[in-house]
């Protein structure tokens, strides 16, 4: 497939603007190495499908993160047929969190965050990833996942309440010395 010069510049811009959001989307669910591979696979699909992108249907970010969501689903489907440990049972977010851009560093130990996120379902983690790592609004998330906007609001709210409860319980255990 041959890419015209104008399209090559546009695809380069798309990559530069959205690569962090795509990687962040994957980093909520898989190890940093797998997230890099899935990010590459996403942009390969973006290049192949660029001629079909319709700005009237969705923003670039929504379109790209929808592709990323499909890449992640395909990854999980393939993983079911492979032997080895589950990525959900062995999250590898530590490397990503230790390299966080925040000057103050991560707000809590990465192991705590990994443990807290394990209390959420895959769908809940995916919605939070699209919202906070992908920086999508609820309308775009609903469109990408085929959900209603009120459902997305409910998932975010419920997930954050669950995470808050887990964090408060961990704090109580720390204070009581358990």
N, C-alpha and C. Protein backbone atom coordinates (compact mmCIF):
# COMPACT_ATOMS: atom_id res chain seq x y z
N UNK A 1 0.84 -1.18 0.00
CA UNK A 1 0.00 0.00 0.00
C UNK A 1 0.89 1.24 0.00
N UNK A 2 0.59 2.14 -0.88
CA UNK A 2 1.37 3.35 -1.02
C UNK A 2 0.62 4.51 -0.35
N UNK A 3 1.33 5.26 0.47
CA UNK A 3 0.74 6.40 1.17
C UNK A 3 1.24 7.69 0.52
N UNK A 4 0.29 8.55 0.13
CA UNK A 4 0.67 9.83 -0.47
C UNK A 4 1.37 10.71 0.56
N UNK A 5 2.18 11.65 0.07
CA UNK A 5 2.96 12.52 0.95
C UNK A 5 2.06 13.29 1.92
N UNK A 6 0.92 13.85 1.43
CA UNK A 6 0.00 14.58 2.29
C UNK A 6 -0.55 13.67 3.38
N UNK A 7 -0.93 12.45 3.00
CA UNK A 7 -1.44 11.49 3.97
C UNK A 7 -0.36 11.11 4.97
N UNK A 8 0.87 10.99 4.52
CA UNK A 8 1.97 10.63 5.42
C UNK A 8 2.16 11.70 6.48
N UNK A 9 2.09 12.97 6.09
CA UNK A 9 2.20 14.06 7.08
C UNK A 9 1.03 14.02 8.06
N UNK A 10 -0.15 13.78 7.55
CA UNK A 10 -1.35 13.73 8.39
C UNK A 10 -1.28 12.54 9.35
N UNK A 11 -0.83 11.41 8.87
CA UNK A 11 -0.70 10.23 9.74
C UNK A 11 0.39 10.43 10.79
N UNK A 12 1.44 11.12 10.43
CA UNK A 12 2.49 11.44 11.40
C UNK A 12 1.93 12.34 12.50
N UNK A 13 1.13 13.32 12.11
CA UNK A 13 0.50 14.20 13.08
C UNK A 13 -0.43 13.41 13.99
N UNK A 14 -1.24 12.53 13.41
CA UNK A 14 -2.15 11.70 14.20
C UNK A 14 -1.38 10.88 15.23
N UNK A 15 -0.33 10.27 14.78
CA UNK A 15 0.48 9.45 15.68
C UNK A 15 1.02 10.29 16.83
N UNK A 16 1.63 11.42 16.52
CA UNK A 16 2.23 12.27 17.55
C UNK A 16 1.19 12.79 18.55
N UNK A 17 0.00 13.10 18.07
CA UNK A 17 -1.04 13.64 18.95
C UNK A 17 -1.70 12.57 19.82
N UNK A 18 -1.75 11.34 19.35
CA UNK A 18 -2.59 10.35 20.02
C UNK A 18 -1.84 9.13 20.58
N UNK A 19 -0.56 9.01 20.34
CA UNK A 19 0.16 7.81 20.77
C UNK A 19 0.14 7.65 22.29
N UNK A 20 0.27 8.73 23.03
CA UNK A 20 0.27 8.62 24.50
C UNK A 20 -1.07 8.15 25.03
N UNK A 21 -2.15 8.65 24.44
CA UNK A 21 -3.49 8.24 24.88
C UNK A 21 -3.72 6.77 24.58
N UNK A 22 -3.27 6.32 23.42
CA UNK A 22 -3.44 4.91 23.05
C UNK A 22 -2.62 4.02 23.98
N UNK A 23 -1.37 4.40 24.21
CA UNK A 23 -0.52 3.61 25.12
C UNK A 23 -1.13 3.60 26.53
N UNK A 24 -1.58 4.75 26.99
CA UNK A 24 -2.21 4.83 28.30
C UNK A 24 -3.44 3.96 28.41
N UNK A 25 -4.20 3.89 27.34
CA UNK A 25 -5.39 3.03 27.30
C UNK A 25 -5.00 1.57 27.54
N UNK A 26 -3.93 1.13 26.90
CA UNK A 26 -3.49 -0.26 27.06
C UNK A 26 -2.82 -0.49 28.41
N UNK A 27 -2.13 0.51 28.93
CA UNK A 27 -1.36 0.34 30.16
C UNK A 27 -2.24 0.03 31.36
N UNK A 28 -3.52 0.33 31.29
CA UNK A 28 -4.43 -0.02 32.37
C UNK A 28 -4.68 -1.52 32.43
N UNK A 29 -4.43 -2.22 31.34
CA UNK A 29 -4.84 -3.62 31.26
C UNK A 29 -3.72 -4.62 31.04
N UNK A 30 -2.61 -4.19 30.47
CA UNK A 30 -1.54 -5.14 30.11
C UNK A 30 -0.19 -4.59 30.53
N UNK A 31 0.84 -5.42 30.42
CA UNK A 31 2.19 -5.01 30.78
C UNK A 31 2.70 -3.93 29.81
N UNK A 32 3.72 -3.17 30.22
CA UNK A 32 4.26 -2.12 29.34
C UNK A 32 4.73 -2.65 27.98
N UNK A 33 5.36 -3.82 27.96
CA UNK A 33 5.82 -4.38 26.68
C UNK A 33 4.65 -4.71 25.76
N UNK A 34 3.63 -5.32 26.33
CA UNK A 34 2.44 -5.66 25.53
C UNK A 34 1.74 -4.37 25.09
N UNK A 35 1.68 -3.37 25.97
CA UNK A 35 1.06 -2.09 25.63
C UNK A 35 1.76 -1.46 24.42
N UNK A 36 3.09 -1.55 24.38
CA UNK A 36 3.83 -1.01 23.24
C UNK A 36 3.47 -1.76 21.96
N UNK A 37 3.40 -3.09 22.05
CA UNK A 37 3.05 -3.89 20.87
C UNK A 37 1.63 -3.57 20.39
N UNK A 38 0.70 -3.46 21.32
CA UNK A 38 -0.68 -3.16 20.96
C UNK A 38 -0.82 -1.75 20.40
N UNK A 39 -0.02 -0.82 20.91
CA UNK A 39 -0.02 0.54 20.38
C UNK A 39 0.44 0.53 18.93
N UNK A 40 1.50 -0.23 18.65
CA UNK A 40 1.98 -0.35 17.27
C UNK A 40 0.92 -0.97 16.37
N UNK A 41 0.28 -2.02 16.86
CA UNK A 41 -0.76 -2.69 16.07
C UNK A 41 -1.92 -1.73 15.80
N UNK A 42 -2.24 -0.90 16.78
CA UNK A 42 -3.33 0.06 16.59
C UNK A 42 -3.00 1.02 15.47
N UNK A 43 -1.78 1.57 15.47
CA UNK A 43 -1.44 2.54 14.44
C UNK A 43 -1.25 1.88 13.07
N UNK A 44 -0.92 0.61 13.04
CA UNK A 44 -0.91 -0.10 11.76
C UNK A 44 -2.32 -0.15 11.19
N UNK A 45 -3.30 -0.43 12.06
CA UNK A 45 -4.70 -0.44 11.60
C UNK A 45 -5.16 0.95 11.21
N UNK A 46 -4.72 1.97 11.95
CA UNK A 46 -5.09 3.34 11.61
C UNK A 46 -4.60 3.68 10.21
N UNK A 47 -3.37 3.30 9.90
CA UNK A 47 -2.81 3.58 8.57
C UNK A 47 -3.61 2.87 7.49
N UNK A 48 -3.93 1.59 7.73
CA UNK A 48 -4.68 0.83 6.74
C UNK A 48 -6.10 1.36 6.54
N UNK A 49 -6.69 1.92 7.59
CA UNK A 49 -8.09 2.35 7.53
C UNK A 49 -8.24 3.86 7.34
N UNK A 50 -7.14 4.59 7.24
CA UNK A 50 -7.21 6.04 7.20
C UNK A 50 -8.15 6.55 6.11
N UNK A 51 -8.16 5.92 4.97
CA UNK A 51 -9.02 6.38 3.87
C UNK A 51 -10.51 6.23 4.20
N UNK A 52 -10.85 5.46 5.23
CA UNK A 52 -12.26 5.26 5.62
C UNK A 52 -12.68 6.17 6.78
N UNK A 53 -11.74 6.92 7.35
CA UNK A 53 -12.09 7.78 8.49
C UNK A 53 -13.06 8.87 8.04
N UNK A 54 -14.14 9.04 8.82
CA UNK A 54 -15.16 10.05 8.53
C UNK A 54 -15.29 10.98 9.73
N UNK A 55 -14.77 12.22 9.62
CA UNK A 55 -14.83 13.14 10.76
C UNK A 55 -16.25 13.48 11.19
N UNK A 56 -17.23 13.26 10.35
CA UNK A 56 -18.62 13.54 10.72
C UNK A 56 -19.15 12.51 11.72
N UNK A 57 -18.54 11.34 11.76
CA UNK A 57 -19.02 10.27 12.65
C UNK A 57 -18.37 10.29 14.02
N UNK A 58 -17.09 10.71 14.08
CA UNK A 58 -16.38 10.70 15.37
C UNK A 58 -15.11 11.55 15.24
N UNK A 59 -14.63 12.01 16.40
CA UNK A 59 -13.36 12.74 16.38
C UNK A 59 -12.23 11.76 16.09
N UNK A 60 -11.07 12.30 15.73
CA UNK A 60 -9.92 11.44 15.46
C UNK A 60 -9.60 10.56 16.67
N UNK A 61 -9.57 11.19 17.86
CA UNK A 61 -9.21 10.45 19.08
C UNK A 61 -10.20 9.33 19.35
N UNK A 62 -11.49 9.61 19.20
CA UNK A 62 -12.51 8.58 19.41
C UNK A 62 -12.32 7.44 18.42
N UNK A 63 -12.09 7.79 17.17
CA UNK A 63 -11.91 6.78 16.13
C UNK A 63 -10.68 5.91 16.43
N UNK A 64 -9.58 6.56 16.78
CA UNK A 64 -8.35 5.82 17.06
C UNK A 64 -8.50 4.96 18.31
N UNK A 65 -9.12 5.47 19.37
CA UNK A 65 -9.29 4.68 20.59
C UNK A 65 -10.32 3.57 20.41
N UNK A 66 -11.24 3.74 19.48
CA UNK A 66 -12.14 2.63 19.14
C UNK A 66 -11.34 1.51 18.49
N UNK A 67 -10.44 1.87 17.60
CA UNK A 67 -9.55 0.87 16.99
C UNK A 67 -8.72 0.22 18.08
N UNK A 68 -8.18 1.01 19.01
CA UNK A 68 -7.37 0.47 20.10
C UNK A 68 -8.18 -0.51 20.94
N UNK A 69 -9.43 -0.19 21.21
CA UNK A 69 -10.29 -1.09 21.98
C UNK A 69 -10.47 -2.41 21.25
N UNK A 70 -10.65 -2.35 19.95
CA UNK A 70 -10.78 -3.58 19.17
C UNK A 70 -9.48 -4.38 19.17
N UNK A 71 -8.35 -3.70 19.12
CA UNK A 71 -7.05 -4.39 19.18
C UNK A 71 -6.91 -5.10 20.53
N UNK A 72 -7.33 -4.43 21.61
CA UNK A 72 -7.25 -5.05 22.93
C UNK A 72 -8.18 -6.25 23.03
N UNK A 73 -9.38 -6.14 22.49
CA UNK A 73 -10.30 -7.28 22.49
C UNK A 73 -9.70 -8.46 21.73
N UNK A 74 -9.11 -8.17 20.57
CA UNK A 74 -8.46 -9.24 19.79
C UNK A 74 -7.33 -9.87 20.59
N UNK A 75 -6.58 -9.05 21.29
CA UNK A 75 -5.48 -9.56 22.11
C UNK A 75 -6.01 -10.52 23.17
N UNK A 76 -7.07 -10.11 23.86
CA UNK A 76 -7.64 -10.98 24.89
C UNK A 76 -8.20 -12.27 24.30
N UNK A 77 -8.80 -12.19 23.13
CA UNK A 77 -9.31 -13.42 22.47
C UNK A 77 -8.16 -14.37 22.18
N UNK A 78 -7.06 -13.83 21.67
CA UNK A 78 -5.91 -14.68 21.38
C UNK A 78 -5.32 -15.27 22.65
N UNK A 79 -5.31 -14.46 23.73
CA UNK A 79 -4.74 -14.93 25.00
C UNK A 79 -5.51 -16.11 25.57
N UNK A 80 -6.80 -16.19 25.34
CA UNK A 80 -7.60 -17.29 25.86
C UNK A 80 -7.13 -18.63 25.31
N UNK A 81 -6.55 -18.61 24.12
CA UNK A 81 -6.14 -19.85 23.49
C UNK A 81 -4.67 -20.17 23.71
N UNK A 82 -3.98 -19.34 24.44
CA UNK A 82 -2.57 -19.56 24.72
C UNK A 82 -2.39 -20.04 26.15
N UNK A 83 -1.37 -20.88 26.35
CA UNK A 83 -1.06 -21.32 27.71
C UNK A 83 -0.28 -20.22 28.40
N UNK A 84 -0.31 -20.20 29.71
CA UNK A 84 0.45 -19.22 30.46
C UNK A 84 -0.42 -18.44 31.41
N UNK A 85 0.20 -17.62 32.23
CA UNK A 85 -0.56 -16.87 33.24
C UNK A 85 -1.41 -15.77 32.60
N UNK A 86 -2.49 -15.46 33.25
CA UNK A 86 -3.39 -14.41 32.81
C UNK A 86 -2.78 -13.05 33.09
N UNK A 87 -2.94 -12.14 32.17
CA UNK A 87 -2.45 -10.79 32.39
C UNK A 87 -3.25 -10.09 33.48
N UNK A 88 -4.51 -10.46 33.65
CA UNK A 88 -5.32 -9.87 34.72
C UNK A 88 -4.81 -10.30 36.09
N UNK A 89 -4.26 -11.49 36.17
CA UNK A 89 -3.75 -11.97 37.46
C UNK A 89 -2.35 -11.45 37.74
N UNK A 90 -1.65 -10.97 36.72
CA UNK A 90 -0.29 -10.48 36.88
C UNK A 90 -0.11 -9.13 36.21
N UNK A 91 -0.82 -8.12 36.66
CA UNK A 91 -0.68 -6.81 36.00
C UNK A 91 0.73 -6.27 36.15
N UNK A 92 1.19 -5.63 35.11
CA UNK A 92 2.56 -5.11 35.08
C UNK A 92 2.57 -3.59 34.92
N UNK A 93 1.78 -2.91 35.70
CA UNK A 93 1.71 -1.46 35.60
C UNK A 93 2.88 -0.76 36.28
N UNK A 94 3.68 -1.51 37.02
CA UNK A 94 4.75 -0.88 37.80
C UNK A 94 5.70 -0.05 36.95
N UNK A 95 6.15 -0.62 35.85
CA UNK A 95 7.10 0.10 35.00
C UNK A 95 6.52 1.41 34.49
N UNK A 96 5.27 1.40 34.09
CA UNK A 96 4.63 2.61 33.58
C UNK A 96 4.51 3.65 34.68
N UNK A 97 4.06 3.24 35.86
CA UNK A 97 3.85 4.19 36.94
C UNK A 97 5.16 4.77 37.46
N UNK A 98 6.24 3.99 37.44
CA UNK A 98 7.53 4.49 37.90
C UNK A 98 8.10 5.53 36.94
N UNK A 99 7.63 5.49 35.68
CA UNK A 99 8.10 6.45 34.69
C UNK A 99 7.08 7.56 34.47
N UNK A 100 6.17 7.73 35.39
CA UNK A 100 5.12 8.74 35.24
C UNK A 100 5.73 10.12 35.03
N UNK A 101 5.05 10.93 34.25
CA UNK A 101 5.54 12.26 33.94
C UNK A 101 5.41 13.23 35.11
N UNK A 102 4.64 12.89 36.09
CA UNK A 102 4.40 13.79 37.21
C UNK A 102 5.71 14.09 37.93
N UNK A 103 5.96 15.38 38.17
CA UNK A 103 7.18 15.77 38.88
C UNK A 103 7.17 15.26 40.31
N UNK A 104 5.98 15.11 40.87
CA UNK A 104 5.87 14.62 42.25
C UNK A 104 5.95 13.09 42.32
N UNK A 105 5.92 12.44 41.18
CA UNK A 105 5.93 10.98 41.16
C UNK A 105 4.52 10.45 41.38
N UNK A 106 4.39 9.14 41.41
CA UNK A 106 3.06 8.58 41.60
C UNK A 106 2.51 8.96 42.98
N UNK A 107 1.19 9.15 43.05
CA UNK A 107 0.56 9.59 44.29
C UNK A 107 0.49 8.47 45.30
N UNK A 108 0.62 7.23 44.88
CA UNK A 108 0.59 6.09 45.78
C UNK A 108 1.47 5.00 45.20
N UNK A 109 1.87 4.06 46.04
CA UNK A 109 2.71 2.98 45.51
C UNK A 109 1.99 2.23 44.38
N UNK A 110 2.74 1.91 43.35
CA UNK A 110 2.15 1.26 42.18
C UNK A 110 1.50 -0.07 42.54
N UNK A 111 2.08 -0.77 43.50
CA UNK A 111 1.50 -2.06 43.88
C UNK A 111 0.10 -1.88 44.45
N UNK A 112 -0.12 -0.77 45.18
CA UNK A 112 -1.46 -0.50 45.71
C UNK A 112 -2.44 -0.25 44.57
N UNK A 113 -2.04 0.55 43.60
CA UNK A 113 -2.92 0.84 42.48
C UNK A 113 -3.28 -0.43 41.72
N UNK A 114 -2.28 -1.27 41.47
CA UNK A 114 -2.53 -2.53 40.77
C UNK A 114 -3.54 -3.37 41.55
N UNK A 115 -3.35 -3.46 42.85
CA UNK A 115 -4.25 -4.25 43.70
C UNK A 115 -5.65 -3.64 43.67
N UNK A 116 -5.74 -2.33 43.75
CA UNK A 116 -7.05 -1.67 43.77
C UNK A 116 -7.77 -1.87 42.44
N UNK A 117 -7.05 -1.72 41.33
CA UNK A 117 -7.68 -1.90 40.02
C UNK A 117 -8.15 -3.34 39.81
N UNK A 118 -7.53 -4.29 40.48
CA UNK A 118 -7.93 -5.69 40.32
C UNK A 118 -9.33 -5.94 40.89
N UNK A 119 -9.85 -5.01 41.69
CA UNK A 119 -11.20 -5.13 42.23
C UNK A 119 -12.27 -4.75 41.20
N UNK A 120 -11.84 -4.21 40.09
CA UNK A 120 -12.77 -3.78 39.05
C UNK A 120 -12.86 -4.81 37.94
N UNK A 121 -13.97 -4.81 37.23
CA UNK A 121 -14.12 -5.71 36.08
C UNK A 121 -13.31 -5.16 34.91
N UNK A 122 -13.12 -5.99 33.89
CA UNK A 122 -12.39 -5.55 32.69
C UNK A 122 -13.07 -4.34 32.07
N UNK A 123 -14.41 -4.38 32.00
CA UNK A 123 -15.14 -3.27 31.38
C UNK A 123 -14.95 -1.98 32.19
N UNK A 124 -15.01 -2.10 33.52
CA UNK A 124 -14.82 -0.92 34.36
C UNK A 124 -13.42 -0.33 34.16
N UNK A 125 -12.40 -1.19 34.12
CA UNK A 125 -11.03 -0.71 33.89
C UNK A 125 -10.90 -0.08 32.50
N UNK A 126 -11.58 -0.67 31.53
CA UNK A 126 -11.51 -0.15 30.16
C UNK A 126 -12.15 1.24 30.09
N UNK A 127 -13.29 1.42 30.73
CA UNK A 127 -13.95 2.73 30.72
C UNK A 127 -13.07 3.76 31.43
N UNK A 128 -12.49 3.39 32.58
CA UNK A 128 -11.60 4.33 33.28
C UNK A 128 -10.37 4.65 32.44
N UNK A 129 -9.85 3.65 31.73
CA UNK A 129 -8.68 3.88 30.87
C UNK A 129 -9.02 4.88 29.76
N UNK A 130 -10.18 4.70 29.12
CA UNK A 130 -10.56 5.62 28.06
C UNK A 130 -10.80 7.02 28.62
N UNK A 131 -11.37 7.11 29.81
CA UNK A 131 -11.67 8.41 30.41
C UNK A 131 -10.41 9.14 30.88
N UNK A 132 -9.56 8.44 31.63
CA UNK A 132 -8.45 9.13 32.27
C UNK A 132 -7.13 9.00 31.50
N UNK A 133 -6.87 7.89 30.88
CA UNK A 133 -5.63 7.76 30.09
C UNK A 133 -5.87 8.24 28.67
N UNK A 134 -7.05 7.93 28.12
CA UNK A 134 -7.36 8.35 26.76
C UNK A 134 -7.93 9.75 26.68
N UNK A 135 -8.32 10.31 27.82
CA UNK A 135 -8.87 11.66 27.90
C UNK A 135 -10.09 11.85 27.00
N UNK A 136 -10.94 10.81 26.94
CA UNK A 136 -12.17 10.92 26.17
C UNK A 136 -13.30 11.37 27.07
N UNK A 137 -14.26 12.09 26.51
CA UNK A 137 -15.44 12.44 27.28
C UNK A 137 -16.42 11.27 27.24
N UNK A 138 -17.49 11.37 28.03
CA UNK A 138 -18.40 10.23 28.13
C UNK A 138 -19.11 9.93 26.82
N UNK A 139 -19.37 10.94 26.03
CA UNK A 139 -20.01 10.72 24.74
C UNK A 139 -19.11 9.86 23.84
N UNK A 140 -17.84 10.19 23.79
CA UNK A 140 -16.90 9.45 22.95
C UNK A 140 -16.71 8.02 23.47
N UNK A 141 -16.66 7.86 24.78
CA UNK A 141 -16.53 6.52 25.36
C UNK A 141 -17.75 5.68 25.02
N UNK A 142 -18.92 6.28 25.17
CA UNK A 142 -20.17 5.57 24.85
C UNK A 142 -20.16 5.13 23.39
N UNK A 143 -19.74 6.01 22.53
CA UNK A 143 -19.69 5.69 21.10
C UNK A 143 -18.67 4.59 20.83
N UNK A 144 -17.50 4.66 21.46
CA UNK A 144 -16.45 3.67 21.21
C UNK A 144 -16.82 2.29 21.71
N UNK A 145 -17.56 2.22 22.83
CA UNK A 145 -17.86 0.92 23.43
C UNK A 145 -19.28 0.44 23.16
N UNK A 146 -20.07 1.24 22.46
CA UNK A 146 -21.44 0.85 22.17
C UNK A 146 -22.33 0.88 23.41
N UNK A 147 -22.08 1.84 24.30
CA UNK A 147 -22.87 2.01 25.52
C UNK A 147 -23.62 3.33 25.45
N UNK A 148 -24.58 3.51 26.34
CA UNK A 148 -25.25 4.80 26.43
C UNK A 148 -24.41 5.72 27.33
N UNK A 149 -24.58 7.02 27.14
CA UNK A 149 -23.85 7.98 27.98
C UNK A 149 -24.19 7.81 29.47
N UNK A 150 -25.48 7.66 29.82
CA UNK A 150 -25.77 7.45 31.25
C UNK A 150 -25.09 6.19 31.81
N UNK A 151 -24.97 5.16 30.98
CA UNK A 151 -24.30 3.94 31.43
C UNK A 151 -22.82 4.21 31.68
N UNK A 152 -22.20 4.98 30.82
CA UNK A 152 -20.78 5.33 31.01
C UNK A 152 -20.61 6.13 32.30
N UNK A 153 -21.50 7.11 32.52
CA UNK A 153 -21.44 7.89 33.77
C UNK A 153 -21.57 6.97 34.97
N UNK A 154 -22.50 6.02 34.89
CA UNK A 154 -22.74 5.10 35.99
C UNK A 154 -21.50 4.23 36.24
N UNK A 155 -20.90 3.72 35.18
CA UNK A 155 -19.72 2.86 35.32
C UNK A 155 -18.57 3.64 35.96
N UNK A 156 -18.35 4.86 35.50
CA UNK A 156 -17.27 5.68 36.06
C UNK A 156 -17.54 5.95 37.54
N UNK A 157 -18.74 6.37 37.83
CA UNK A 157 -19.09 6.70 39.21
C UNK A 157 -18.97 5.48 40.13
N UNK A 158 -19.52 4.37 39.70
CA UNK A 158 -19.47 3.14 40.50
C UNK A 158 -18.03 2.67 40.68
N UNK A 159 -17.24 2.73 39.62
CA UNK A 159 -15.84 2.29 39.70
C UNK A 159 -15.04 3.17 40.65
N UNK A 160 -15.24 4.47 40.57
CA UNK A 160 -14.52 5.37 41.47
C UNK A 160 -14.95 5.18 42.92
N UNK A 161 -16.24 4.93 43.14
CA UNK A 161 -16.70 4.64 44.51
C UNK A 161 -16.06 3.36 45.02
N UNK A 162 -15.98 2.34 44.16
CA UNK A 162 -15.37 1.08 44.57
C UNK A 162 -13.89 1.28 44.89
N UNK A 163 -13.19 2.03 44.06
CA UNK A 163 -11.78 2.30 44.31
C UNK A 163 -11.60 3.10 45.60
N UNK A 164 -12.48 4.07 45.83
CA UNK A 164 -12.41 4.86 47.06
C UNK A 164 -12.61 3.96 48.28
N UNK A 165 -13.57 3.04 48.22
CA UNK A 165 -13.82 2.12 49.33
C UNK A 165 -12.61 1.23 49.59
N UNK A 166 -12.01 0.73 48.53
CA UNK A 166 -10.83 -0.12 48.67
C UNK A 166 -9.68 0.68 49.29
N UNK A 167 -9.51 1.93 48.84
CA UNK A 167 -8.45 2.78 49.38
C UNK A 167 -8.69 3.10 50.86
N UNK A 168 -9.93 3.37 51.22
CA UNK A 168 -10.23 3.66 52.62
C UNK A 168 -10.00 2.43 53.50
N UNK A 169 -10.36 1.26 53.00
CA UNK A 169 -10.13 0.03 53.76
C UNK A 169 -8.62 -0.20 53.93
N UNK A 170 -7.85 0.03 52.89
CA UNK A 170 -6.40 -0.13 52.99
C UNK A 170 -5.82 0.86 54.00
N UNK A 171 -6.34 2.08 54.01
CA UNK A 171 -5.86 3.08 54.96
C UNK A 171 -6.22 2.66 56.40
N UNK A 172 -7.43 2.14 56.60
CA UNK A 172 -7.82 1.67 57.93
C UNK A 172 -6.90 0.55 58.40
N UNK A 173 -6.60 -0.37 57.49
CA UNK A 173 -5.71 -1.48 57.85
C UNK A 173 -4.31 -0.98 58.19
N UNK A 174 -3.84 0.02 57.49
CA UNK A 174 -2.53 0.58 57.77
C UNK A 174 -2.52 1.26 59.14
N UNK A 175 -3.58 1.99 59.44
CA UNK A 175 -3.65 2.71 60.71
C UNK A 175 -3.79 1.76 61.91
N UNK A 176 -4.49 0.64 61.71
CA UNK A 176 -4.67 -0.31 62.81
C UNK A 176 -3.53 -1.30 62.89
N UNK A 177 -2.62 -1.28 61.92
CA UNK A 177 -1.44 -2.13 61.95
C UNK A 177 -1.68 -3.56 61.51
N UNK A 178 -2.71 -3.79 60.75
CA UNK A 178 -2.97 -5.15 60.24
C UNK A 178 -2.15 -5.48 59.05
